[in-house]
Amino acid sequence: MSTQTAAEHELANLIVEALNLETVDPAAIDPEAPLFGGDLGLDSIDALEIALAVSKRYGMQLRSDHPDNQRIFSSLRTLSEHIERERTA
């Protein structure tokens, strides 16, 4: 398991809070593990909830029609990297 960066840890906390994953320790989320179809058991509805939470927290939109959504949402790390790129653009 890879170590989370500070940004990834903040995002992991946001995901756990937004999805009410009471049994999940944000620090235990592997930043390179799949967000969907993996241990967290997330689905497409969860992706919408994550996008809404990210929009509220970081003031940016994760659009449902973005052509790279599969890659962006593939792991905690790729989602965090996308958010950082968009925030500094």
PDB file of N, CA and C in Angstrom:
ATOM      1  N   MET A   1       0.846  -1.190   0.000  1.00  0.00           N
ATOM      2  CA  MET A   1       0.000   0.000   0.000  1.00  0.00           C
ATOM      3  C   MET A   1       0.881   1.238   0.000  1.00  0.00           C
ATOM      4  N   SER A   2       0.533   2.185  -0.855  1.00  0.00           N
ATOM      5  CA  SER A   2       1.250   3.457  -0.917  1.00  0.00           C
ATOM      6  C   SER A   2       0.808   4.363   0.221  1.00  0.00           C
ATOM      7  N   THR A   3       1.647   5.306   0.537  1.00  0.00           N
ATOM      8  CA  THR A   3       1.331   6.283   1.565  1.00  0.00           C
ATOM      9  C   THR A   3       0.555   7.445   0.945  1.00  0.00           C
ATOM     10  N   GLN A   4      -0.461   7.911   1.646  1.00  0.00           N
ATOM     11  CA  GLN A   4      -1.245   9.045   1.172  1.00  0.00           C
ATOM     12  C   GLN A   4      -0.468  10.344   1.351  1.00  0.00           C
ATOM     13  N   THR A   5      -0.610  11.240   0.363  1.00  0.00           N
ATOM     14  CA  THR A   5      -0.111  12.599   0.528  1.00  0.00           C
ATOM     15  C   THR A   5      -1.118  13.353   1.396  1.00  0.00           C
ATOM     16  N   ALA A   6      -0.771  14.551   1.799  1.00  0.00           N
ATOM     17  CA  ALA A   6      -1.694  15.364   2.599  1.00  0.00           C
ATOM     18  C   ALA A   6      -2.984  15.641   1.818  1.00  0.00           C
ATOM     19  N   ALA A   7      -2.851  15.941   0.523  1.00  0.00           N
ATOM     20  CA  ALA A   7      -4.028  16.217  -0.307  1.00  0.00           C
ATOM     21  C   ALA A   7      -4.897  14.971  -0.451  1.00  0.00           C
ATOM     22  N   GLU A   8      -4.264  13.811  -0.600  1.00  0.00           N
ATOM     23  CA  GLU A   8      -5.019  12.563  -0.717  1.00  0.00           C
ATOM     24  C   GLU A   8      -5.737  12.237   0.584  1.00  0.00           C
ATOM     25  N   HIS A   9      -5.085  12.503   1.704  1.00  0.00           N
ATOM     26  CA  HIS A   9      -5.711  12.243   2.999  1.00  0.00           C
ATOM     27  C   HIS A   9      -6.930  13.150   3.196  1.00  0.00           C
ATOM     28  N   GLU A  10      -6.800  14.408   2.820  1.00  0.00           N
ATOM     29  CA  GLU A  10      -7.928  15.336   2.911  1.00  0.00           C
ATOM     30  C   GLU A  10      -9.083  14.854   2.038  1.00  0.00           C
ATOM     31  N   LEU A  11      -8.759  14.406   0.821  1.00  0.00           N
ATOM     32  CA  LEU A  11      -9.785  13.913  -0.094  1.00  0.00           C
ATOM     33  C   LEU A  11     -10.409  12.620   0.437  1.00  0.00           C
ATOM     34  N   ALA A  12      -9.606  11.738   1.006  1.00  0.00           N
ATOM     35  CA  ALA A  12     -10.129  10.494   1.585  1.00  0.00           C
ATOM     36  C   ALA A  12     -11.117  10.809   2.706  1.00  0.00           C
ATOM     37  N   ASN A  13     -10.784  11.769   3.539  1.00  0.00           N
ATOM     38  CA  ASN A  13     -11.702  12.198   4.603  1.00  0.00           C
ATOM     39  C   ASN A  13     -13.007  12.722   4.013  1.00  0.00           C
ATOM     40  N   LEU A  14     -12.902  13.518   2.966  1.00  0.00           N
ATOM     41  CA  LEU A  14     -14.082  14.073   2.309  1.00  0.00           C
ATOM     42  C   LEU A  14     -14.968  12.957   1.761  1.00  0.00           C
ATOM     43  N   ILE A  15     -14.369  11.966   1.119  1.00  0.00           N
ATOM     44  CA  ILE A  15     -15.125  10.851   0.546  1.00  0.00           C
ATOM     45  C   ILE A  15     -15.826  10.060   1.651  1.00  0.00           C
ATOM     46  N   VAL A  16     -15.111   9.752   2.714  1.00  0.00           N
ATOM     47  CA  VAL A  16     -15.702   8.983   3.823  1.00  0.00           C
ATOM     48  C   VAL A  16     -16.863   9.750   4.437  1.00  0.00           C
ATOM     49  N   GLU A  17     -16.703  11.061   4.631  1.00  0.00           N
ATOM     50  CA  GLU A  17     -17.777  11.880   5.206  1.00  0.00           C
ATOM     51  C   GLU A  17     -18.961  11.986   4.251  1.00  0.00           C
ATOM     52  N   ALA A  18     -18.687  12.275   2.972  1.00  0.00           N
ATOM     53  CA  ALA A  18     -19.761  12.497   1.998  1.00  0.00           C
ATOM     54  C   ALA A  18     -20.596  11.242   1.778  1.00  0.00           C
ATOM     55  N   LEU A  19     -19.951  10.080   1.846  1.00  0.00           N
ATOM     56  CA  LEU A  19     -20.651   8.828   1.569  1.00  0.00           C
ATOM     57  C   LEU A  19     -21.071   8.088   2.843  1.00  0.00           C
ATOM     58  N   ASN A  20     -20.824   8.709   3.993  1.00  0.00           N
ATOM     59  CA  ASN A  20     -21.171   8.092   5.282  1.00  0.00           C
ATOM     60  C   ASN A  20     -20.596   6.680   5.416  1.00  0.00           C
ATOM     61  N   LEU A  21     -19.326   6.547   5.085  1.00  0.00           N
ATOM     62  CA  LEU A  21     -18.652   5.250   5.180  1.00  0.00           C
ATOM     63  C   LEU A  21     -18.099   5.094   6.593  1.00  0.00           C
ATOM     64  N   GLU A  22     -18.993   4.885   7.532  1.00  0.00           N
ATOM     65  CA  GLU A  22     -18.656   4.892   8.953  1.00  0.00           C
ATOM     66  C   GLU A  22     -17.633   3.839   9.346  1.00  0.00           C
ATOM     67  N   THR A  23     -17.553   2.747   8.620  1.00  0.00           N
ATOM     68  CA  THR A  23     -16.625   1.676   8.981  1.00  0.00           C
ATOM     69  C   THR A  23     -15.280   1.795   8.276  1.00  0.00           C
ATOM     70  N   VAL A  24     -15.103   2.858   7.474  1.00  0.00           N
ATOM     71  CA  VAL A  24     -13.868   3.022   6.708  1.00  0.00           C
ATOM     72  C   VAL A  24     -12.983   4.077   7.369  1.00  0.00           C
ATOM     73  N   ASP A  25     -11.738   3.717   7.604  1.00  0.00           N
ATOM     74  CA  ASP A  25     -10.742   4.661   8.105  1.00  0.00           C
ATOM     75  C   ASP A  25     -10.127   5.350   6.891  1.00  0.00           C
ATOM     76  N   PRO A  26     -10.291   6.670   6.758  1.00  0.00           N
ATOM     77  CA  PRO A  26      -9.747   7.369   5.591  1.00  0.00           C
ATOM     78  C   PRO A  26      -8.255   7.109   5.382  1.00  0.00           C
ATOM     79  N   ALA A  27      -7.510   6.995   6.458  1.00  0.00           N
ATOM     80  CA  ALA A  27      -6.070   6.765   6.358  1.00  0.00           C
ATOM     81  C   ALA A  27      -5.755   5.378   5.803  1.00  0.00           C
ATOM     82  N   ALA A  28      -6.716   4.472   5.847  1.00  0.00           N
ATOM     83  CA  ALA A  28      -6.493   3.105   5.370  1.00  0.00           C
ATOM     84  C   ALA A  28      -6.805   2.936   3.886  1.00  0.00           C
ATOM     85  N   ILE A  29      -7.304   3.977   3.234  1.00  0.00           N
ATOM     86  CA  ILE A  29      -7.603   3.886   1.804  1.00  0.00           C
ATOM     87  C   ILE A  29      -6.293   3.959   1.028  1.00  0.00           C
ATOM     88  N   ASP A  30      -6.000   2.909   0.280  1.00  0.00           N
ATOM     89  CA  ASP A  30      -4.795   2.869  -0.556  1.00  0.00           C
ATOM     90  C   ASP A  30      -4.994   3.854  -1.699  1.00  0.00           C
ATOM     91  N   PRO A  31      -4.113   4.849  -1.837  1.00  0.00           N
ATOM     92  CA  PRO A  31      -4.308   5.866  -2.867  1.00  0.00           C
ATOM     93  C   PRO A  31      -4.230   5.329  -4.295  1.00  0.00           C
ATOM     94  N   GLU A  32      -3.681   4.134  -4.469  1.00  0.00           N
ATOM     95  CA  GLU A  32      -3.569   3.569  -5.807  1.00  0.00           C
ATOM     96  C   GLU A  32      -4.600   2.473  -6.075  1.00  0.00           C
ATOM     97  N   ALA A  33      -5.389   2.117  -5.078  1.00  0.00           N
ATOM     98  CA  ALA A  33      -6.412   1.074  -5.244  1.00  0.00           C
ATOM     99  C   ALA A  33      -7.611   1.657  -5.993  1.00  0.00           C
ATOM    100  N   PRO A  34      -8.325   0.810  -6.730  1.00  0.00           N
ATOM    101  CA  PRO A  34      -9.511   1.295  -7.437  1.00  0.00           C
ATOM    102  C   PRO A  34     -10.560   1.830  -6.462  1.00  0.00           C
ATOM    103  N   LEU A  35     -11.140   2.982  -6.805  1.00  0.00           N
ATOM    104  CA  LEU A  35     -12.218   3.528  -5.978  1.00  0.00           C
ATOM    105  C   LEU A  35     -13.505   2.745  -6.201  1.00  0.00           C
ATOM    106  N   PHE A  36     -13.705   2.284  -7.435  1.00  0.00           N
ATOM    107  CA  PHE A  36     -14.946   1.599  -7.791  1.00  0.00           C
ATOM    108  C   PHE A  36     -14.643   0.144  -8.119  1.00  0.00           C
ATOM    109  N   GLY A  37     -15.499  -0.739  -7.629  1.00  0.00           N
ATOM    110  CA  GLY A  37     -15.315  -2.156  -7.859  1.00  0.00           C
ATOM    111  C   GLY A  37     -14.248  -2.775  -6.964  1.00  0.00           C
ATOM    112  N   GLY A  38     -13.741  -2.009  -6.018  1.00  0.00           N
ATOM    113  CA  GLY A  38     -12.718  -2.516  -5.112  1.00  0.00           C
ATOM    114  C   GLY A  38     -13.263  -2.704  -3.712  1.00  0.00           C
ATOM    115  N   ASP A  39     -12.404  -2.544  -2.739  1.00  0.00           N
ATOM    116  CA  ASP A  39     -12.762  -2.779  -1.341  1.00  0.00           C
ATOM    117  C   ASP A  39     -13.835  -1.825  -0.815  1.00  0.00           C
ATOM    118  N   LEU A  40     -13.890  -0.617  -1.363  1.00  0.00           N
ATOM    119  CA  LEU A  40     -14.865   0.359  -0.855  1.00  0.00           C
ATOM    120  C   LEU A  40     -16.281   0.062  -1.331  1.00  0.00           C
ATOM    121  N   GLY A  41     -16.415  -0.665  -2.429  1.00  0.00           N
ATOM    122  CA  GLY A  41     -17.737  -1.025  -2.932  1.00  0.00           C
ATOM    123  C   GLY A  41     -18.527   0.160  -3.463  1.00  0.00           C
ATOM    124  N   LEU A  42     -17.849   1.146  -4.032  1.00  0.00           N
ATOM    125  CA  LEU A  42     -18.528   2.339  -4.533  1.00  0.00           C
ATOM    126  C   LEU A  42     -19.162   2.067  -5.893  1.00  0.00           C
ATOM    127  N   ASP A  43     -20.225   2.829  -6.208  1.00  0.00           N
ATOM    128  CA  ASP A  43     -20.902   2.690  -7.499  1.00  0.00           C
ATOM    129  C   ASP A  43     -21.099   4.063  -8.139  1.00  0.00           C
ATOM    130  N   SER A  44     -21.833   4.102  -9.240  1.00  0.00           N
ATOM    131  CA  SER A  44     -21.987   5.350  -9.993  1.00  0.00           C
ATOM    132  C   SER A  44     -22.712   6.429  -9.191  1.00  0.00           C
ATOM    133  N   ILE A  45     -23.626   6.047  -8.321  1.00  0.00           N
ATOM    134  CA  ILE A  45     -24.309   7.032  -7.471  1.00  0.00           C
ATOM    135  C   ILE A  45     -23.290   7.667  -6.518  1.00  0.00           C
ATOM    136  N   ASP A  46     -22.376   6.852  -6.017  1.00  0.00           N
ATOM    137  CA  ASP A  46     -21.321   7.373  -5.142  1.00  0.00           C
ATOM    138  C   ASP A  46     -20.440   8.364  -5.890  1.00  0.00           C
ATOM    139  N   ALA A  47     -20.202   8.116  -7.177  1.00  0.00           N
ATOM    140  CA  ALA A  47     -19.394   9.046  -7.982  1.00  0.00           C
ATOM    141  C   ALA A  47     -20.056  10.417  -8.040  1.00  0.00           C
ATOM    142  N   LEU A  48     -21.373  10.430  -8.167  1.00  0.00           N
ATOM    143  CA  LEU A  48     -22.106  11.702  -8.181  1.00  0.00           C
ATOM    144  C   LEU A  48     -21.981  12.417  -6.838  1.00  0.00           C
ATOM    145  N   GLU A  49     -22.076  11.663  -5.753  1.00  0.00           N
ATOM    146  CA  GLU A  49     -21.931  12.240  -4.416  1.00  0.00           C
ATOM    147  C   GLU A  49     -20.524  12.805  -4.210  1.00  0.00           C
ATOM    148  N   ILE A  50     -19.527  12.076  -4.684  1.00  0.00           N
ATOM    149  CA  ILE A  50     -18.144  12.548  -4.570  1.00  0.00           C
ATOM    150  C   ILE A  50     -17.976  13.829  -5.378  1.00  0.00           C
ATOM    151  N   ALA A  51     -18.510  13.852  -6.596  1.00  0.00           N
ATOM    152  CA  ALA A  51     -18.400  15.046  -7.441  1.00  0.00           C
ATOM    153  C   ALA A  51     -19.048  16.256  -6.773  1.00  0.00           C
ATOM    154  N   LEU A  52     -20.195  16.053  -6.134  1.00  0.00           N
ATOM    155  CA  LEU A  52     -20.882  17.144  -5.438  1.00  0.00           C
ATOM    156  C   LEU A  52     -20.052  17.630  -4.250  1.00  0.00           C
ATOM    157  N   ALA A  53     -19.503  16.699  -3.476  1.00  0.00           N
ATOM    158  CA  ALA A  53     -18.686  17.070  -2.316  1.00  0.00           C
ATOM    159  C   ALA A  53     -17.429  17.807  -2.740  1.00  0.00           C
ATOM    160  N   VAL A  54     -16.795  17.358  -3.824  1.00  0.00           N
ATOM    161  CA  VAL A  54     -15.596  18.025  -4.341  1.00  0.00           C
ATOM    162  C   VAL A  54     -15.946  19.436  -4.806  1.00  0.00           C
ATOM    163  N   SER A  55     -17.081  19.567  -5.478  1.00  0.00           N
ATOM    164  CA  SER A  55     -17.532  20.879  -5.944  1.00  0.00           C
ATOM    165  C   SER A  55     -17.712  21.850  -4.783  1.00  0.00           C
ATOM    166  N   LYS A  56     -18.345  21.373  -3.721  1.00  0.00           N
ATOM    167  CA  LYS A  56     -18.573  22.226  -2.555  1.00  0.00           C
ATOM    168  C   LYS A  56     -17.275  22.573  -1.833  1.00  0.00           C
ATOM    169  N   ARG A  57     -16.394  21.599  -1.663  1.00  0.00           N
ATOM    170  CA  ARG A  57     -15.163  21.813  -0.896  1.00  0.00           C
ATOM    171  C   ARG A  57     -14.135  22.625  -1.660  1.00  0.00           C
ATOM    172  N   TYR A  58     -13.955  22.290  -2.948  1.00  0.00           N
ATOM    173  CA  TYR A  58     -12.854  22.887  -3.707  1.00  0.00           C
ATOM    174  C   TYR A  58     -13.297  23.928  -4.728  1.00  0.00           C
ATOM    175  N   GLY A  59     -14.604  24.125  -4.871  1.00  0.00           N
ATOM    176  CA  GLY A  59     -15.098  25.149  -5.783  1.00  0.00           C
ATOM    177  C   GLY A  59     -14.830  24.847  -7.240  1.00  0.00           C
ATOM    178  N   MET A  60     -14.847  23.592  -7.608  1.00  0.00           N
ATOM    179  CA  MET A  60     -14.624  23.205  -9.001  1.00  0.00           C
ATOM    180  C   MET A  60     -15.630  22.131  -9.389  1.00  0.00           C
ATOM    181  N   GLN A  61     -15.897  22.019 -10.663  1.00  0.00           N
ATOM    182  CA  GLN A  61     -16.870  21.054 -11.154  1.00  0.00           C
ATOM    183  C   GLN A  61     -16.192  19.803 -11.693  1.00  0.00           C
ATOM    184  N   LEU A  62     -16.715  18.651 -11.331  1.00  0.00           N
ATOM    185  CA  LEU A  62     -16.343  17.381 -11.946  1.00  0.00           C
ATOM    186  C   LEU A  62     -17.546  16.995 -12.804  1.00  0.00           C
ATOM    187  N   ARG A  63     -17.442  17.262 -14.087  1.00  0.00           N
ATOM    188  CA  ARG A  63     -18.594  17.071 -14.974  1.00  0.00           C
ATOM    189  C   ARG A  63     -18.805  15.601 -15.322  1.00  0.00           C
ATOM    190  N   SER A  64     -20.053  15.197 -15.382  1.00  0.00           N
ATOM    191  CA  SER A  64     -20.379  13.804 -15.695  1.00  0.00           C
ATOM    192  C   SER A  64     -20.054  13.438 -17.137  1.00  0.00           C
ATOM    193  N   ASP A  65     -19.937  14.444 -18.016  1.00  0.00           N
ATOM    194  CA  ASP A  65     -19.640  14.161 -19.421  1.00  0.00           C
ATOM    195  C   ASP A  65     -18.156  14.330 -19.772  1.00  0.00           C
ATOM    196  N   HIS A  66     -17.307  14.464 -18.766  1.00  0.00           N
ATOM    197  CA  HIS A  66     -15.867  14.609 -19.019  1.00  0.00           C
ATOM    198  C   HIS A  66     -15.345  13.316 -19.636  1.00  0.00           C
ATOM    199  N   PRO A  67     -14.629  13.406 -20.764  1.00  0.00           N
ATOM    200  CA  PRO A  67     -14.187  12.190 -21.447  1.00  0.00           C
ATOM    201  C   PRO A  67     -13.181  11.347 -20.654  1.00  0.00           C
ATOM    202  N   ASP A  68     -12.522  11.927 -19.669  1.00  0.00           N
ATOM    203  CA  ASP A  68     -11.515  11.196 -18.897  1.00  0.00           C
ATOM    204  C   ASP A  68     -12.018  10.738 -17.523  1.00  0.00           C
ATOM    205  N   ASN A  69     -13.323  10.741 -17.303  1.00  0.00           N
ATOM    206  CA  ASN A  69     -13.853  10.395 -15.981  1.00  0.00           C
ATOM    207  C   ASN A  69     -13.412   9.021 -15.498  1.00  0.00           C
ATOM    208  N   GLN A  70     -13.326   8.062 -16.389  1.00  0.00           N
ATOM    209  CA  GLN A  70     -12.926   6.723 -15.956  1.00  0.00           C
ATOM    210  C   GLN A  70     -11.514   6.758 -15.366  1.00  0.00           C
ATOM    211  N   ARG A  71     -10.623   7.521 -15.991  1.00  0.00           N
ATOM    212  CA  ARG A  71      -9.263   7.650 -15.479  1.00  0.00           C
ATOM    213  C   ARG A  71      -9.245   8.526 -14.226  1.00  0.00           C
ATOM    214  N   ILE A  72      -9.956   9.636 -14.242  1.00  0.00           N
ATOM    215  CA  ILE A  72      -9.968  10.569 -13.115  1.00  0.00           C
ATOM    216  C   ILE A  72     -10.442   9.878 -11.837  1.00  0.00           C
ATOM    217  N   PHE A  73     -11.495   9.079 -11.952  1.00  0.00           N
ATOM    218  CA  PHE A  73     -12.082   8.410 -10.790  1.00  0.00           C
ATOM    219  C   PHE A  73     -11.500   7.018 -10.549  1.00  0.00           C
ATOM    220  N   SER A  74     -10.409   6.680 -11.208  1.00  0.00           N
ATOM    221  CA  SER A  74      -9.892   5.311 -11.075  1.00  0.00           C
ATOM    222  C   SER A  74      -9.296   5.035  -9.697  1.00  0.00           C
ATOM    223  N   SER A  75      -8.754   6.062  -9.043  1.00  0.00           N
ATOM    224  CA  SER A  75      -8.174   5.864  -7.706  1.00  0.00           C
ATOM    225  C   SER A  75      -8.188   7.178  -6.940  1.00  0.00           C
ATOM    226  N   LEU A  76      -7.924   7.095  -5.670  1.00  0.00           N
ATOM    227  CA  LEU A  76      -7.820   8.291  -4.842  1.00  0.00           C
ATOM    228  C   LEU A  76      -6.715   9.199  -5.380  1.00  0.00           C
ATOM    229  N   ARG A  77      -5.613   8.595  -5.788  1.00  0.00           N
ATOM    230  CA  ARG A  77      -4.473   9.370  -6.292  1.00  0.00           C
ATOM    231  C   ARG A  77      -4.816  10.119  -7.578  1.00  0.00           C
ATOM    232  N   THR A  78      -5.443   9.444  -8.541  1.00  0.00           N
ATOM    233  CA  THR A  78      -5.762  10.119  -9.809  1.00  0.00           C
ATOM    234  C   THR A  78      -6.807  11.214  -9.602  1.00  0.00           C
ATOM    235  N   LEU A  79      -7.752  10.987  -8.709  1.00  0.00           N
ATOM    236  CA  LEU A  79      -8.751  12.015  -8.420  1.00  0.00           C
ATOM    237  C   LEU A  79      -8.100  13.213  -7.747  1.00  0.00           C
ATOM    238  N   SER A  80      -7.230  12.967  -6.795  1.00  0.00           N
ATOM    239  CA  SER A  80      -6.529  14.047  -6.108  1.00  0.00           C
ATOM    240  C   SER A  80      -5.655  14.842  -7.071  1.00  0.00           C
ATOM    241  N   GLU A  81      -4.944  14.148  -7.942  1.00  0.00           N
ATOM    242  CA  GLU A  81      -4.091  14.831  -8.930  1.00  0.00           C
ATOM    243  C   GLU A  81      -4.928  15.691  -9.857  1.00  0.00           C
ATOM    244  N   HIS A  82      -6.080  15.193 -10.295  1.00  0.00           N
ATOM    245  CA  HIS A  82      -6.968  15.973 -11.164  1.00  0.00           C
ATOM    246  C   HIS A  82      -7.454  17.233 -10.456  1.00  0.00           C
ATOM    247  N   ILE A  83      -7.858  17.089  -9.220  1.00  0.00           N
ATOM    248  CA  ILE A  83      -8.333  18.252  -8.454  1.00  0.00           C
ATOM    249  C   ILE A  83      -7.220  19.289  -8.320  1.00  0.00           C
ATOM    250  N   GLU A  84      -6.018  18.852  -8.007  1.00  0.00           N
ATOM    251  CA  GLU A  84      -4.890  19.787  -7.869  1.00  0.00           C
ATOM    252  C   GLU A  84      -4.599  20.492  -9.191  1.00  0.00           C
ATOM    253  N   ARG A  85      -4.629  19.755 -10.304  1.00  0.00           N
ATOM    254  CA  ARG A  85      -4.403  20.381 -11.622  1.00  0.00           C
ATOM    255  C   ARG A  85      -5.458  21.432 -11.926  1.00  0.00           C
ATOM    256  N   GLU A  86      -6.717  21.092 -11.675  1.00  0.00           N
ATOM    257  CA  GLU A  86      -7.810  22.010 -11.970  1.00  0.00           C
ATOM    258  C   GLU A  86      -7.781  23.245 -11.069  1.00  0.00           C
ATOM    259  N   ARG A  87      -7.392  23.071  -9.842  1.00  0.00           N
ATOM    260  CA  ARG A  87      -7.357  24.195  -8.900  1.00  0.00           C
ATOM    261  C   ARG A  87      -6.241  25.178  -9.226  1.00  0.00           C
ATOM    262  N   THR A  88      -5.163  24.693  -9.834  1.00  0.00           N
ATOM    263  CA  THR A  88      -4.034  25.567 -10.137  1.00  0.00           C
ATOM    264  C   THR A  88      -4.062  26.059 -11.575  1.00  0.00           C
ATOM    265  N   ALA A  89      -5.040  25.615 -12.357  1.00  0.00           N
ATOM    266  CA  ALA A  89      -5.118  26.011 -13.777  1.00  0.00           C
ATOM    267  C   ALA A  89      -5.676  27.412 -13.928  1.00  0.00           C
TER     268      ALA A  89
END
